[in-house]
Protein backbone atom coordinates (compact mmCIF):
# COMPACT_ATOMS: atom_id res chain seq x y z
CA UNK A 1 -8.48 41.93 9.03
CA UNK A 2 -6.65 43.63 6.34
CA UNK A 3 -5.55 40.88 3.98
CA UNK A 4 -9.59 40.12 4.22
CA UNK A 5 -10.36 43.89 2.92
CA UNK A 6 -7.86 43.70 -0.15
CA UNK A 7 -9.97 40.45 -1.44
CA UNK A 8 -13.08 42.77 -2.00
CA UNK A 9 -10.99 44.90 -4.60
CA UNK A 10 -10.73 42.88 -7.29
CA UNK A 11 -7.86 41.39 -8.96
CA UNK A 12 -5.41 44.35 -7.68
CA UNK A 13 -6.65 42.95 -4.10
CA UNK A 14 -5.49 39.70 -5.08
CA UNK A 15 -2.50 40.44 -6.65
CA UNK A 16 -1.38 42.63 -3.28
CA UNK A 17 -2.86 39.35 -1.31
CA UNK A 18 -0.40 37.09 -3.05
CA UNK A 19 2.59 39.64 -2.86
CA UNK A 20 1.62 39.95 1.03
CA UNK A 21 0.94 36.32 1.44
CA UNK A 22 4.21 35.35 0.02
CA UNK A 23 6.27 37.41 2.30
CA UNK A 24 4.77 35.49 4.86
CA UNK A 25 5.57 32.41 3.51
CA UNK A 26 9.02 33.31 2.72
CA UNK A 27 9.32 34.12 6.75
CA UNK A 28 8.06 31.07 7.47
CA UNK A 29 11.16 28.97 6.49
CA UNK A 30 12.03 26.69 9.74
CA UNK A 31 9.88 24.79 12.03
CA UNK A 32 10.43 21.69 14.36
CA UNK A 33 9.99 18.17 13.38
CA UNK A 34 7.87 15.80 16.01
CA UNK A 35 11.61 14.88 17.45
CA UNK A 36 12.54 18.58 17.75
CA UNK A 37 15.09 18.98 15.69
CA UNK A 38 15.00 22.16 13.26
CA UNK A 39 15.02 21.46 9.03
CA UNK A 40 14.86 24.17 6.46
CA UNK A 41 11.79 25.09 4.48
CA UNK A 42 13.36 27.28 2.34
CA UNK A 43 11.75 28.07 -1.03
CA UNK A 44 12.48 30.22 -4.27
CA UNK A 45 10.38 33.64 -4.51
CA UNK A 46 8.57 31.40 -6.81
CA UNK A 47 7.65 29.00 -4.54
CA UNK A 48 6.83 30.74 -2.15
CA UNK A 49 3.99 32.63 -4.10
CA UNK A 50 0.79 30.95 -3.44
CA UNK A 51 -1.89 31.13 -6.47
CA UNK A 52 -5.06 32.63 -4.41
CA UNK A 53 -7.65 29.71 -6.22
CA UNK A 54 -5.48 27.32 -4.11
CA UNK A 55 -7.01 29.14 -0.91
CA UNK A 56 -10.57 30.81 -1.60
CA UNK A 57 -13.43 28.40 -2.63
CA UNK A 58 -15.95 29.70 -5.40
CA UNK A 59 -18.90 28.30 -6.35
CA UNK A 60 -17.61 26.06 -8.49
CA UNK A 61 -16.55 22.40 -6.70
CA UNK A 62 -12.73 22.46 -5.95
CA UNK A 63 -10.81 20.11 -4.37
CA UNK A 64 -12.79 16.77 -5.14
CA UNK A 65 -11.60 13.73 -3.99
CA UNK A 66 -12.72 10.14 -3.75
CA UNK A 67 -12.13 7.79 -0.67
CA UNK A 68 -12.38 4.07 0.35
CA UNK A 69 -15.29 3.08 1.77
CA UNK A 70 -15.22 -0.25 4.80
CA UNK A 71 -17.11 -1.65 1.43
CA UNK A 72 -14.87 -0.65 -1.44
CA UNK A 73 -15.94 -3.15 -4.35
CA UNK A 74 -19.68 -1.94 -3.97
CA UNK A 75 -19.15 2.02 -2.87
CA UNK A 76 -17.18 4.85 -3.16
CA UNK A 77 -17.37 8.57 -0.80
CA UNK A 78 -16.70 11.85 -2.17
CA UNK A 79 -15.60 15.23 -1.06
CA UNK A 80 -15.19 18.45 -2.60
CA UNK A 81 -15.37 22.11 -1.16
CA UNK A 82 -16.89 25.65 -2.01
CA UNK A 83 -17.41 29.02 -1.45
CA UNK A 84 -20.21 29.44 1.81
CA UNK A 85 -22.58 30.72 -1.03
CA UNK A 86 -23.78 27.22 -2.10
CA UNK A 87 -25.09 25.46 1.01
CA UNK A 88 -26.33 22.12 -0.27
CA UNK A 89 -24.46 19.55 -3.24
CA UNK A 90 -25.66 17.03 -5.27
CA UNK A 91 -23.50 13.77 -6.35
CA UNK A 92 -24.95 12.51 -10.04
CA UNK A 93 -23.74 8.93 -10.95
CA UNK A 94 -24.78 6.73 -14.12
CA UNK A 95 -23.27 3.75 -15.65
CA UNK A 96 -20.36 4.82 -18.31
CA UNK A 97 -21.38 4.52 -21.78
CA UNK A 98 -19.03 4.76 -24.96
CA UNK A 99 -20.94 7.84 -25.51
CA UNK A 100 -23.61 10.89 -23.88
CA UNK A 101 -26.05 8.41 -23.60
CA UNK A 102 -25.37 7.77 -19.86
CA UNK A 103 -27.22 11.36 -19.16
CA UNK A 104 -30.15 9.60 -19.44
CA UNK A 105 -30.13 7.15 -16.65
CA UNK A 106 -28.20 9.72 -13.76
CA UNK A 107 -29.35 8.95 -10.25
CA UNK A 108 -28.86 11.75 -7.83
CA UNK A 109 -27.72 11.34 -4.22
CA UNK A 110 -27.81 14.55 -1.82
CA UNK A 111 -24.62 15.15 -0.20
CA UNK A 112 -23.77 16.43 3.83
CA UNK A 113 -22.66 20.03 3.83
CA UNK A 114 -19.74 21.15 6.57
CA UNK A 115 -18.78 24.72 7.23
CA UNK A 116 -15.71 25.32 8.00
CA UNK A 117 -13.25 28.58 8.75
CA UNK A 118 -9.93 28.58 9.13
CA UNK A 119 -7.16 31.14 10.04
CA UNK A 120 -3.30 30.37 10.43
CA UNK A 121 -1.50 33.44 12.74
CA UNK A 122 -1.54 36.68 9.78
CA UNK A 123 -2.80 34.62 6.94
CA UNK A 124 -6.16 35.36 5.28
CA UNK A 125 -8.95 33.70 6.99
CA UNK A 126 -10.69 31.05 4.53
CA UNK A 127 -14.13 30.66 4.63
CA UNK A 128 -15.93 27.25 2.74
CA UNK A 129 -18.27 25.02 2.69
CA UNK A 130 -17.29 21.40 2.48
CA UNK A 131 -19.40 18.31 0.61
CA UNK A 132 -19.70 14.89 1.46
CA UNK A 133 -21.35 11.76 0.14
CA UNK A 134 -21.01 8.07 -0.41
CA UNK A 135 -22.18 7.08 -3.49
CA UNK A 136 -23.07 3.26 -3.18
CA UNK A 137 -25.34 -0.01 -4.80
CA UNK A 138 -22.44 -0.34 -7.37
CA UNK A 139 -21.02 -3.42 -8.80
CA UNK A 140 -17.58 -4.74 -8.85
CA UNK A 141 -15.51 -4.15 -11.62
CA UNK A 142 -18.13 -1.54 -13.17
CA UNK A 143 -17.52 1.47 -14.79
CA UNK A 144 -19.45 4.98 -13.65
CA UNK A 145 -19.17 8.59 -14.06
CA UNK A 146 -20.08 10.56 -11.90
CA UNK A 147 -19.93 14.69 -10.89
CA UNK A 148 -20.31 17.13 -7.74
CA UNK A 149 -21.97 20.27 -7.55
CA UNK A 150 -25.40 22.01 -7.74
CA UNK A 151 -27.57 23.81 -10.47
CA UNK A 152 -25.67 25.34 -12.12
CA UNK A 153 -21.77 24.89 -10.86
CA UNK A 154 -21.16 21.72 -11.77
CA UNK A 155 -17.70 19.97 -11.95
CA UNK A 156 -16.68 17.87 -14.70
CA UNK A 157 -17.58 14.25 -15.35
CA UNK A 158 -15.04 11.56 -13.99
CA UNK A 159 -14.68 8.20 -14.63
CA UNK A 160 -14.24 5.46 -11.96
CA UNK A 161 -13.90 1.63 -12.44
CA UNK A 162 -14.64 -0.62 -9.08
CA UNK A 163 -12.54 -3.18 -8.54
CA UNK A 164 -13.19 -7.00 -8.95
CA UNK A 165 -14.86 -8.81 -6.62
CA UNK A 166 -12.40 -11.52 -7.02
CA UNK A 167 -9.31 -10.19 -8.85
CA UNK A 168 -6.52 -8.99 -7.41
CA UNK A 169 -6.17 -5.57 -5.72
CA UNK A 170 -3.60 -3.12 -6.77
CA UNK A 171 -2.43 0.12 -4.94
CA UNK A 172 -0.17 2.73 -4.86
CA UNK A 173 1.98 3.53 -1.57
CA UNK A 174 3.62 7.11 -0.90
CA UNK A 175 5.58 7.96 2.09
CA UNK A 176 5.67 11.73 3.43
CA UNK A 177 5.32 14.37 0.92
CA UNK A 178 5.12 17.69 3.26
CA UNK A 179 7.11 20.01 1.57
CA UNK A 180 7.27 21.81 -1.74
CA UNK A 181 3.99 19.88 -2.70
CA UNK A 182 3.11 21.65 -5.55
CA UNK A 183 6.44 22.37 -7.07
CA UNK A 184 7.75 19.00 -6.10
CA UNK A 185 5.79 16.00 -5.19
CA UNK A 186 3.48 16.71 -7.85
CA UNK A 187 5.63 15.14 -10.27
CA UNK A 188 5.94 11.97 -8.45
CA UNK A 189 1.79 11.51 -8.00
CA UNK A 190 1.39 11.98 -11.62
CA UNK A 191 4.85 9.88 -12.97
CA UNK A 192 2.86 7.34 -10.18
CA UNK A 193 -0.43 7.27 -12.05
CA UNK A 194 1.57 7.18 -15.71
CA UNK A 195 3.13 4.14 -14.36
CA UNK A 196 -0.29 2.82 -13.36
CA UNK A 197 -3.25 4.54 -14.42
CA UNK A 198 -5.53 1.25 -13.57
CA UNK A 199 -4.39 1.12 -9.71
CA UNK A 200 -7.58 0.61 -7.41
CA UNK A 201 -6.39 3.09 -5.21
CA UNK A 202 -3.39 5.61 -3.51
CA UNK A 203 -2.22 5.01 0.04
CA UNK A 204 -1.00 7.88 2.28
CA UNK A 205 1.15 7.25 4.93
CA UNK A 206 1.18 10.48 7.05
CA UNK A 207 3.01 13.94 6.59
CA UNK A 208 0.91 14.95 3.61
CA UNK A 209 1.68 18.61 4.43
CA UNK A 210 3.81 20.25 6.60
CA UNK A 211 1.70 22.38 8.80
CA UNK A 212 -1.22 20.58 10.20
CA UNK A 213 -3.97 24.10 9.34
CA UNK A 214 -2.69 25.94 6.48
CA UNK A 215 -4.93 25.59 4.08
CA UNK A 216 -2.73 27.16 1.37
CA UNK A 217 -0.71 23.73 1.86
CA UNK A 218 -3.39 21.79 1.70
CA UNK A 219 -4.43 23.47 -1.54
CA UNK A 220 -1.25 22.67 -3.07
CA UNK A 221 -1.53 18.75 -2.19
CA UNK A 222 -4.76 19.13 -3.86
CA UNK A 223 -3.56 21.05 -7.02
CA UNK A 224 -0.36 18.21 -7.31
CA UNK A 225 -2.87 15.47 -7.85
CA UNK A 226 -5.93 17.52 -9.67
CA UNK A 227 -8.12 15.12 -11.55
CA UNK A 228 -6.12 12.14 -10.04
CA UNK A 229 -7.48 12.48 -6.99
CA UNK A 230 -11.04 12.05 -8.15
CA UNK A 231 -10.88 9.43 -10.56
CA UNK A 232 -8.48 6.66 -7.98
CA UNK A 233 -9.80 6.79 -4.30
CA UNK A 234 -7.43 7.41 -1.50
CA UNK A 235 -6.73 6.21 1.74
CA UNK A 236 -4.85 8.43 4.50
CA UNK A 237 -3.15 7.83 7.92
CA UNK A 238 -2.27 11.05 9.35
CA UNK A 239 1.26 11.96 10.34
CA UNK A 240 2.52 13.99 13.00
CA UNK A 241 2.62 17.22 10.84
CA UNK A 242 -1.45 16.91 10.60
CA UNK A 243 -1.23 17.47 14.16
CA UNK A 244 0.08 20.09 16.64
CA UNK A 245 -0.47 20.27 20.20
CA UNK A 246 -1.54 16.30 19.51
CA UNK A 247 -5.17 18.14 17.66
CA UNK A 248 -5.57 16.97 14.28
CA UNK A 249 -6.15 19.33 11.55
CA UNK A 250 -9.15 21.23 11.62
CA UNK A 251 -9.50 20.35 7.76
CA UNK A 252 -8.71 16.73 8.24
CA UNK A 253 -12.47 15.19 8.49
CA UNK A 254 -14.45 18.14 6.49
CA UNK A 255 -12.40 17.49 3.69
CA UNK A 256 -11.62 13.45 3.48
CA UNK A 257 -14.68 11.33 3.81
CA UNK A 258 -12.67 8.33 5.84
CA UNK A 259 -14.47 5.21 7.48
CA UNK A 260 -15.69 5.31 11.05
CA UNK A 261 -15.39 1.96 12.00
CA UNK A 262 -12.44 2.41 14.65
CA UNK A 263 -12.01 3.12 18.67
CA UNK A 264 -14.28 6.06 19.34
CA UNK A 265 -12.46 9.32 19.21
CA UNK A 266 -10.54 8.56 16.14
CA UNK A 267 -13.31 8.83 13.65
CA UNK A 268 -11.05 8.81 10.25
CA UNK A 269 -7.80 8.14 11.60
CA UNK A 270 -7.69 4.72 12.77
CA UNK A 271 -10.41 2.51 10.77
CA UNK A 272 -9.98 -0.88 8.55
CA UNK A 273 -11.11 -1.17 5.47
CA UNK A 274 -11.69 -4.98 3.60
CA UNK A 275 -11.40 -6.35 0.03
CA UNK A 276 -12.38 -9.85 -1.04
CA UNK A 277 -8.88 -10.60 -0.30
CA UNK A 278 -7.27 -8.38 1.88
CA UNK A 279 -7.63 -6.55 5.22
CA UNK A 280 -5.88 -2.73 5.19
CA UNK A 281 -5.75 -1.10 8.33
CA UNK A 282 -4.90 2.62 9.14
CA UNK A 283 -3.41 2.78 12.80
CA UNK A 284 -3.11 6.91 14.54
CA UNK A 285 0.13 6.56 15.16
CA UNK A 286 0.64 10.07 16.55
CA UNK A 287 -1.95 9.19 19.09
CA UNK A 288 -0.03 6.24 19.63
CA UNK A 289 2.89 8.38 20.73
CA UNK A 290 1.06 11.20 22.73
CA UNK A 291 -1.86 9.63 24.36
CA UNK A 292 -1.65 6.39 26.85
CA UNK A 293 -5.25 6.16 26.62
CA UNK A 294 -5.33 5.90 22.60
CA UNK A 295 -2.52 3.89 22.80
CA UNK A 296 -4.20 1.21 24.81
CA UNK A 297 -7.64 1.50 22.87
CA UNK A 298 -5.68 1.01 19.43
CA UNK A 299 -4.05 -1.90 20.90
CA UNK A 300 -6.80 -3.52 21.95
CA UNK A 301 -8.99 -2.65 19.05
CA UNK A 302 -6.36 -3.84 16.24
CA UNK A 303 -6.21 -7.42 18.31
CA UNK A 304 -9.97 -7.92 18.23
CA UNK A 305 -9.52 -6.51 14.54
CA UNK A 306 -7.46 -9.35 13.49
CA UNK A 307 -8.87 -12.20 15.54
CA UNK A 308 -10.35 -14.41 13.15
CA UNK A 309 -9.35 -12.94 10.21
CA UNK A 310 -10.95 -14.28 7.57
CA UNK A 311 -8.31 -12.60 4.63
CA UNK A 312 -5.45 -14.07 3.10
CA UNK A 313 -3.75 -10.62 3.04
CA UNK A 314 -3.06 -8.08 5.99
CA UNK A 315 -1.76 -4.48 5.38
CA UNK A 316 -1.17 -2.02 8.04
CA UNK A 317 -0.25 1.76 7.75
CA UNK A 318 0.56 4.26 9.98
CA UNK A 319 3.17 7.02 10.51
CA UNK A 320 5.96 6.34 12.62
CA UNK A 321 8.36 3.58 11.79
CA UNK A 322 8.59 0.23 13.65
CA UNK A 323 12.76 0.27 13.11
CA UNK A 324 13.80 3.50 11.76
CA UNK A 325 15.86 4.50 9.00
CA UNK A 326 17.28 7.79 10.40
CA UNK A 327 20.13 7.42 12.61
CA UNK A 328 19.67 7.71 16.30
CA UNK A 329 15.57 7.39 16.03
CA UNK A 330 13.56 4.78 17.69
CA UNK A 331 10.14 4.19 18.81
CA UNK A 332 10.73 1.54 21.37
CA UNK A 333 7.35 1.70 22.99
CA UNK A 334 5.43 2.03 19.42
CA UNK A 335 7.44 -1.38 18.74
CA UNK A 336 6.95 -3.28 21.90
CA UNK A 337 3.38 -2.80 22.07
CA UNK A 338 2.37 -3.28 18.48
CA UNK A 339 5.47 -5.68 16.72
CA UNK A 340 3.72 -8.55 19.08
CA UNK A 341 0.63 -7.81 17.28
CA UNK A 342 1.59 -8.01 13.99
CA UNK A 343 3.30 -10.65 14.95
CA UNK A 344 0.41 -12.81 16.56
CA UNK A 345 -1.76 -12.37 13.48
CA UNK A 346 1.14 -13.04 10.72
CA UNK A 347 0.52 -9.24 9.37
CA UNK A 348 1.70 -9.21 5.95
CA UNK A 349 2.74 -5.78 5.04
CA UNK A 350 3.63 -2.79 7.37
CA UNK A 351 3.72 0.39 5.40
CA UNK A 352 4.93 3.38 7.27
CA UNK A 353 6.63 6.95 6.80
CA UNK A 354 8.22 9.65 8.84
CA UNK A 355 12.01 9.29 8.52
CA UNK A 356 12.49 10.64 4.76
CA UNK A 357 14.42 7.73 3.48
CA UNK A 358 13.67 4.11 2.06
CA UNK A 359 13.96 1.18 3.58
CA UNK A 360 12.70 -2.32 3.99
CA UNK A 361 13.29 -5.76 5.44
CA UNK A 362 11.83 -8.75 7.80
CA UNK A 363 13.32 -8.14 11.13
CA UNK A 364 13.03 -9.41 14.46
CA UNK A 365 12.31 -7.30 17.83
CA UNK A 366 15.65 -5.69 19.34
CA UNK A 367 14.92 -3.66 21.92
CA UNK A 368 17.70 -1.66 20.67
CA UNK A 369 16.14 -0.76 18.00
CA UNK A 370 18.67 -1.87 15.55
CA UNK A 371 17.21 -4.79 13.42
CA UNK A 372 18.74 -8.27 12.93
CA UNK A 373 17.54 -10.68 9.94
CA UNK A 374 14.73 -12.82 11.27
CA UNK A 375 13.99 -15.75 8.72
CA UNK A 376 10.80 -16.92 11.11
CA UNK A 377 9.18 -13.64 10.27
CA UNK A 378 6.34 -13.07 7.44
CA UNK A 379 5.97 -9.70 8.18
CA UNK A 380 7.16 -7.03 5.76
CA UNK A 381 8.34 -3.60 7.01
CA UNK A 382 8.75 -0.86 4.74
CA UNK A 383 9.58 2.87 5.61
CA UNK A 384 9.31 5.23 2.46
CA UNK A 385 9.11 9.43 1.23
CA UNK A 386 7.90 10.91 -2.01
CA UNK A 387 8.59 14.56 -1.29
CA UNK A 388 11.89 16.26 -1.11
CA UNK A 389 12.77 16.55 1.74
CA UNK A 390 15.12 14.18 2.87
CA UNK A 391 17.27 12.51 6.23
CA UNK A 392 20.64 10.60 6.52
CA UNK A 393 20.10 7.16 6.57
CA UNK A 394 21.53 4.92 9.17
CA UNK A 395 23.94 1.49 8.62
CA UNK A 396 20.97 -0.55 10.37
CA UNK A 397 21.24 -4.24 9.50
CA UNK A 398 17.51 -4.48 9.31
CA UNK A 399 17.55 -3.23 6.21
CA UNK A 400 17.49 -5.73 2.93
CA UNK A 401 17.03 -2.55 -0.02
CA UNK A 402 17.66 0.99 1.44
CA UNK A 403 18.30 4.56 -0.44
CA UNK A 404 18.73 8.17 0.71
CA UNK A 405 18.21 11.31 -1.10
CA UNK A 406 14.89 9.75 -3.43
CA UNK A 407 11.89 10.68 -3.60
CA UNK A 408 9.83 7.19 -4.47
CA UNK A 409 6.08 5.98 -4.85
CA UNK A 410 5.69 1.80 -4.51
CA UNK A 411 3.53 -0.36 -6.61
CA UNK A 412 1.83 -2.94 -5.02
CA UNK A 413 -0.76 -5.87 -6.25
CA UNK A 414 -2.32 -8.37 -3.86
CA UNK A 415 -4.03 -11.07 -4.96
CA UNK A 416 -4.23 -15.28 -4.75
CA UNK A 417 -0.91 -16.08 -2.79
CA UNK A 418 1.57 -13.68 -3.66
CA UNK A 419 1.84 -9.49 -3.40
CA UNK A 420 4.44 -8.43 -5.14
CA UNK A 421 6.28 -5.09 -4.47
CA UNK A 422 7.86 -2.32 -6.93
CA UNK A 423 9.83 0.76 -5.65
CA UNK A 424 10.12 3.04 -8.42
CA UNK A 425 11.68 6.40 -8.14
CA UNK A 426 11.07 10.22 -9.09
CA UNK A 427 11.69 9.25 -12.71
CA UNK A 428 9.88 5.96 -13.05
CA UNK A 429 12.96 3.78 -12.38
CA UNK A 430 12.32 0.87 -10.72
CA UNK A 431 14.95 0.72 -7.54
CA UNK A 432 13.52 -2.36 -5.20
CA UNK A 433 11.39 -4.80 -6.03
CA UNK A 434 10.14 -8.11 -3.94
CA UNK A 435 7.27 -10.62 -4.05
CA UNK A 436 5.64 -12.40 -0.75
CA UNK A 437 4.23 -15.82 -1.44
CA UNK A 438 1.75 -17.70 0.75
CA UNK A 439 2.57 -20.96 2.04
CA UNK A 440 -0.10 -22.77 4.40
CA UNK A 441 0.95 -22.97 7.83
CA UNK A 442 4.41 -21.34 7.00
CA UNK A 443 5.18 -17.71 7.10
CA UNK A 444 5.34 -16.12 4.32
CA UNK A 445 8.00 -16.61 1.46
CA UNK A 446 10.50 -13.43 0.23
CA UNK A 447 11.85 -13.97 -3.49
CA UNK A 448 13.81 -10.31 -3.72
CA UNK A 449 14.06 -8.96 -7.14
CA UNK A 450 16.17 -6.38 -6.61
CA UNK A 451 17.44 -5.03 -9.60
CA UNK A 452 20.97 -4.15 -10.48
CA UNK A 453 21.38 -0.72 -9.53
CA UNK A 454 23.65 0.38 -6.78
CA UNK A 455 21.92 1.74 -3.64
CA UNK A 456 21.41 5.17 -3.23
CA UNK A 457 23.29 5.86 0.57
CA UNK A 458 24.47 9.54 0.21
């Protein structure tokens, strides 16, 4: 390819590549969403010129990210990327110290290495080696330092702190990032980290990017979070934009290191993670929507996972909303099959994306999709968006608090008999808040703490 040849001519070739690549990006300014509606992806010229460094891996590690494991208080998973020249990788880890003496007690972990080559239409072919490992034998509440790479190419030392064994679990939940990720979603994840830097993990409810296999978009997502990805473990559930024709992004499994304890064929998209007080479940909503086989398999698996569940709190995340915030949108099949399971097992929180607006409430199962208040239900349903692409908001009664045209992140803390929830705007201003309180043998008690600010409805 001509574009590939330009790379060989040093900085001049890269400048030419960036200019040409920018033209391709500007030309691709619209795409269809899952439901067939056109939406704009127009960007300013500056935004549409990707940094070549986001695309092409070097010998030094990039796109370093931590993921939760099945046992998140004793281990953490790590992934990174290098050029194909680097054929093996290593993790070095030590107990954190007040000075540099930790380097005297480092242990090493060999990483698995997986090659990946991707090319999207006229865009340049990107070849990389992805390295993954699990850092195990960690102590709850312990503070550690680690780095990844191989001689002489190493990342910096990152510092991490493990969750407490019997303490509360705190995490940040993001709805869709999807568009303008480097330029406009970056401030949201950074404001979230500024608001709660000691968070145990970050949760992404699908549509992290817009085009499932476009490597520059994945590069923007990693750039936007920067060192945060390497210091705060993440979990992610795929959205419809991580798929095309029901085929998962080729980057998903190589670049993440998520649990493989779900149904066969849905490794790293449908899985369960157990904290001492909380069970977290990811469902693959696109496969629920598109595949009768995987829909039934996930329903059967979820029922088995939640039967005799010893955890006090249960949180489920998937992409498509059970109850929508967007007018004239309704995921009836998903709701008819999965909401009875949520009710049966008294799920506490259901965290979703897709509709590019904000809404939350406790609702009953209504066949029309229009929600009504259900005082007997203990499940809170939330739909949120963190990126800049917005949809209209409906006036469905299921939403007790809603917002249009608002980028948000949610800080959730679960411990003892209380789950506290705070939704912040991209400016870091509190927009919504509530507590869920456990009562033995009864549904959760909702305590609203909505701030005295008007709803943003347009």
